[in-house]
Amino acid sequence: MSVMKERLHTGELYLPGDEDILKEQFQCLDRLYDFNMTRPTELAKREAMLQEMLAEIGPDCYIEPPFHSNFGGRHVHFGRNVYANFNLTCVDDTHIYVGDYTMIGPNVTLATAGHPILPELREKAYQYNMPVHIGRNCWLGAGVVVLPGVTIGDNVVVGAGSIVAKDLPSNVVAVGNPCKVLREIGEHDKEYYFKNRKIDYNAL
């Protein structure tokens, strides 16, 4: 294994154009291409392919193609019952962890890769990777971006279009750019599911 490939998961600066890295990456990307070419009715085929493509994936997970991923999901870890809508982008140069029952809206980006601020290093194409952790039973709204090194707790709702640059605690609603905690999830949410619409528990 090359020195550069060893640095994929250490947070150190490395060159992503390394021959050993690209060899593995292209194999993963070819498989991702095949996944994105599956027909809507080929659900069993998609499920089998995801079992092969991702680092870990629990039962009853679903990713709606097209799925975009730097390493074809090789460094993506899904728990059980994870749902991802159209155009999930996983910049999975290092590991991305998503907990059970988490829902991911369309056009969400989970990014682990960064580049140095110093122009001279960027000109040489140096990169570093920091893992992303998303907890259990979260909901990331449409167009959310999660940046390298971020950890999101359990039961978190992230509003559409938010850019998450810092960690979020469990049991909160968070929105904005940069994303900030709006409020805690509490008693109000046991009564209302959307604005002034009440939850009819008898109908559930």
Protein backbone atom coordinates (compact mmCIF):
# COMPACT_ATOMS: atom_id res chain seq x y z
CA MET A 1 0.00 0.00 0.00
CA SER A 2 1.32 3.44 -0.91
CA VAL A 3 2.07 6.13 1.67
CA MET A 4 -0.66 8.32 0.19
CA LYS A 5 -3.28 5.58 0.42
CA GLU A 6 -2.40 5.04 4.09
CA ARG A 7 -3.29 8.70 4.72
CA LEU A 8 -6.87 8.42 3.41
CA HIS A 9 -8.23 7.81 6.91
CA THR A 10 -5.68 9.60 9.13
CA GLY A 11 -6.60 13.25 8.50
CA GLU A 12 -3.10 13.91 7.13
CA LEU A 13 -2.44 15.78 3.89
CA TYR A 14 -2.10 13.48 0.87
CA LEU A 15 -2.30 13.48 -2.92
CA PRO A 16 -5.57 11.90 -4.18
CA GLY A 17 -4.08 11.30 -7.66
CA ASP A 18 -1.90 8.51 -6.24
CA GLU A 19 -1.85 5.46 -8.53
CA ASP A 20 -2.92 2.98 -5.83
CA ILE A 21 -5.80 5.21 -4.74
CA LEU A 22 -7.07 5.74 -8.28
CA LYS A 23 -6.94 2.02 -9.10
CA GLU A 24 -9.29 1.19 -6.22
CA GLN A 25 -11.42 4.28 -6.79
CA PHE A 26 -12.13 3.53 -10.45
CA GLN A 27 -13.22 -0.02 -9.62
CA CYS A 28 -15.72 1.41 -7.11
CA LEU A 29 -16.93 4.06 -9.56
CA ASP A 30 -17.56 1.47 -12.28
CA ARG A 31 -19.79 -0.43 -9.85
CA LEU A 32 -21.58 2.77 -8.87
CA TYR A 33 -22.24 3.44 -12.55
CA ASP A 34 -23.87 0.00 -12.82
CA PHE A 35 -26.05 0.75 -9.76
CA ASN A 36 -27.25 4.02 -11.25
CA MET A 37 -28.17 2.26 -14.49
CA THR A 38 -30.56 -0.17 -12.78
CA ARG A 39 -34.26 0.00 -13.65
CA PRO A 40 -36.82 1.20 -11.07
CA THR A 41 -38.31 -2.31 -10.88
CA GLU A 42 -34.95 -3.96 -10.10
CA LEU A 43 -35.23 -3.44 -6.36
CA ALA A 44 -33.69 -6.79 -5.39
CA LYS A 45 -30.74 -6.14 -7.70
CA ARG A 46 -30.19 -2.70 -6.18
CA GLU A 47 -30.29 -4.12 -2.66
CA ALA A 48 -27.74 -6.80 -3.52
CA MET A 49 -25.44 -4.26 -5.17
CA LEU A 50 -25.55 -1.94 -2.15
CA GLN A 51 -24.58 -4.85 0.11
CA GLU A 52 -21.49 -5.24 -2.05
CA MET A 53 -20.72 -1.55 -2.59
CA LEU A 54 -21.04 -0.07 0.91
CA ALA A 55 -18.69 -0.70 3.83
CA GLU A 56 -21.72 -1.64 5.94
CA ILE A 57 -25.46 -1.58 5.30
CA GLY A 58 -28.19 -2.91 7.55
CA PRO A 59 -31.54 -4.40 6.52
CA ASP A 60 -34.33 -2.39 4.88
CA CYS A 61 -32.15 0.43 3.56
CA TYR A 62 -32.90 2.23 0.32
CA ILE A 63 -30.92 4.67 -1.84
CA GLU A 64 -32.81 6.24 -4.73
CA PRO A 65 -30.61 6.54 -7.81
CA PRO A 66 -28.81 8.55 -8.93
CA PHE A 67 -26.35 8.09 -6.08
CA HIS A 68 -23.05 9.98 -6.27
CA SER A 69 -20.01 8.89 -4.29
CA ASN A 70 -16.27 9.46 -4.62
CA PHE A 71 -15.54 5.85 -3.71
CA GLY A 72 -18.85 4.33 -4.76
CA GLY A 73 -19.90 3.90 -1.14
CA ARG A 74 -16.75 1.95 -0.18
CA HIS A 75 -16.37 4.06 2.98
CA VAL A 76 -20.10 4.55 3.76
CA HIS A 77 -21.65 2.82 6.80
CA PHE A 78 -25.47 2.65 7.01
CA GLY A 79 -27.42 1.21 9.92
CA ARG A 80 -30.85 -0.34 9.38
CA ASN A 81 -33.87 1.34 7.76
CA VAL A 82 -31.88 4.24 6.31
CA TYR A 83 -33.63 6.02 3.42
CA ALA A 84 -31.88 8.36 0.97
CA ASN A 85 -33.76 10.23 -1.74
CA PHE A 86 -32.50 11.33 -5.20
CA ASN A 87 -28.99 12.71 -5.66
CA LEU A 88 -27.37 11.75 -2.38
CA THR A 89 -23.72 12.78 -2.71
CA CYS A 90 -21.25 11.03 -0.39
CA VAL A 91 -17.77 12.48 -0.67
CA ASP A 92 -16.56 9.31 1.00
CA ASP A 93 -12.81 9.66 0.73
CA THR A 94 -12.91 8.57 4.36
CA HIS A 95 -15.69 7.10 6.48
CA ILE A 96 -19.30 8.32 6.68
CA TYR A 97 -21.53 6.79 9.37
CA VAL A 98 -25.35 7.04 9.26
CA GLY A 99 -27.45 5.62 12.12
CA ASP A 100 -30.60 3.49 12.05
CA TYR A 101 -33.90 4.97 10.77
CA THR A 102 -32.30 8.15 9.45
CA MET A 103 -34.01 9.83 6.49
CA ILE A 104 -32.03 11.81 3.92
CA GLY A 105 -33.85 14.20 1.60
CA PRO A 106 -33.03 14.87 -2.06
CA ASN A 107 -29.80 16.62 -3.05
CA VAL A 108 -28.02 16.10 0.27
CA THR A 109 -24.20 16.19 0.39
CA LEU A 110 -22.15 14.41 3.07
CA ALA A 111 -18.56 15.56 2.57
CA THR A 112 -15.42 14.21 4.23
CA ALA A 113 -12.80 15.77 1.95
CA GLY A 114 -11.17 19.15 2.45
CA HIS A 115 -8.30 21.12 1.01
CA PRO A 116 -5.73 23.36 2.71
CA ILE A 117 -6.37 27.12 2.80
CA LEU A 118 -2.76 27.78 1.73
CA PRO A 119 -2.85 28.36 -2.07
CA GLU A 120 0.53 26.75 -2.70
CA LEU A 121 -0.66 23.43 -1.25
CA ARG A 122 -3.97 23.53 -3.11
CA GLU A 123 -2.10 24.17 -6.35
CA LYS A 124 -0.31 20.86 -5.77
CA ALA A 125 -3.75 19.19 -5.22
CA TYR A 126 -3.22 18.26 -1.56
CA GLN A 127 -6.28 17.00 0.31
CA TYR A 128 -7.25 15.78 3.78
CA ASN A 129 -10.25 13.76 4.97
CA MET A 130 -12.25 13.90 8.20
CA PRO A 131 -15.08 11.43 9.00
CA VAL A 132 -18.75 12.38 9.25
CA HIS A 133 -21.07 10.84 11.89
CA ILE A 134 -24.86 11.12 11.70
CA GLY A 135 -26.89 9.65 14.53
CA ARG A 136 -29.97 7.48 14.79
CA ASN A 137 -33.42 8.57 13.61
CA CYS A 138 -32.34 11.88 12.08
CA TRP A 139 -33.99 13.71 9.20
CA LEU A 140 -31.81 15.76 6.86
CA GLY A 141 -34.02 17.98 4.70
CA ALA A 142 -33.56 18.63 0.99
CA GLY A 143 -30.27 20.23 0.01
CA VAL A 144 -28.51 19.84 3.37
CA VAL A 145 -24.69 19.91 3.27
CA VAL A 146 -22.69 18.27 6.06
CA LEU A 147 -19.03 19.30 6.10
CA PRO A 148 -15.91 17.24 7.00
CA GLY A 149 -15.46 16.20 10.62
CA VAL A 150 -19.05 16.98 11.70
CA THR A 151 -20.97 14.81 14.18
CA ILE A 152 -24.78 15.03 14.36
CA GLY A 153 -26.51 13.48 17.39
CA ASP A 154 -29.63 11.27 17.51
CA ASN A 155 -33.17 12.38 16.60
CA VAL A 156 -31.96 15.59 14.94
CA VAL A 157 -33.98 17.40 12.26
CA VAL A 158 -31.85 19.56 9.95
CA GLY A 159 -33.86 22.06 7.93
CA ALA A 160 -33.73 22.12 4.13
CA GLY A 161 -30.79 23.98 2.62
CA SER A 162 -28.77 24.06 5.85
CA ILE A 163 -24.98 23.89 5.83
CA VAL A 164 -23.74 21.98 8.88
CA ALA A 165 -20.22 23.13 9.71
CA LYS A 166 -20.20 22.28 13.44
CA ASP A 167 -21.43 19.40 15.60
CA LEU A 168 -25.12 19.26 16.55
CA PRO A 169 -26.40 17.73 19.83
CA SER A 170 -29.17 15.13 19.99
CA ASN A 171 -32.91 15.94 20.05
CA VAL A 172 -32.88 19.34 18.32
CA VAL A 173 -34.21 21.10 15.25
CA ALA A 174 -31.36 22.96 13.53
CA VAL A 175 -31.45 25.25 10.48
CA GLY A 176 -29.51 27.80 8.51
CA ASN A 177 -26.15 28.66 6.98
CA PRO A 178 -24.20 28.15 9.09
CA CYS A 179 -26.57 25.63 10.68
CA LYS A 180 -27.54 26.48 14.28
CA VAL A 181 -29.87 24.92 16.84
CA LEU A 182 -33.34 26.47 16.51
CA ARG A 183 -34.97 24.61 19.40
CA GLU A 184 -35.14 21.34 21.27
CA ILE A 185 -37.62 18.64 20.27
CA GLY A 186 -40.27 18.47 23.03
CA GLU A 187 -43.91 18.39 24.11
CA HIS A 188 -45.11 20.57 21.21
CA ASP A 189 -43.93 17.91 18.76
CA LYS A 190 -46.01 15.26 20.50
CA GLU A 191 -49.13 17.25 19.57
CA TYR A 192 -48.34 18.82 16.19
CA TYR A 193 -46.64 17.23 13.16
CA PHE A 194 -46.71 20.25 10.80
CA LYS A 195 -47.49 23.86 11.71
CA ASN A 196 -51.01 23.82 13.21
CA ARG A 197 -51.84 20.26 12.15
CA LYS A 198 -52.43 17.99 15.14
CA ILE A 199 -51.40 14.36 15.31
CA ASP A 200 -54.48 12.11 15.32
CA TYR A 201 -53.12 9.17 17.26
CA ASN A 202 -56.37 7.23 16.77
CA ALA A 203 -55.80 7.24 13.02
CA LEU A 204 -52.21 5.99 13.20
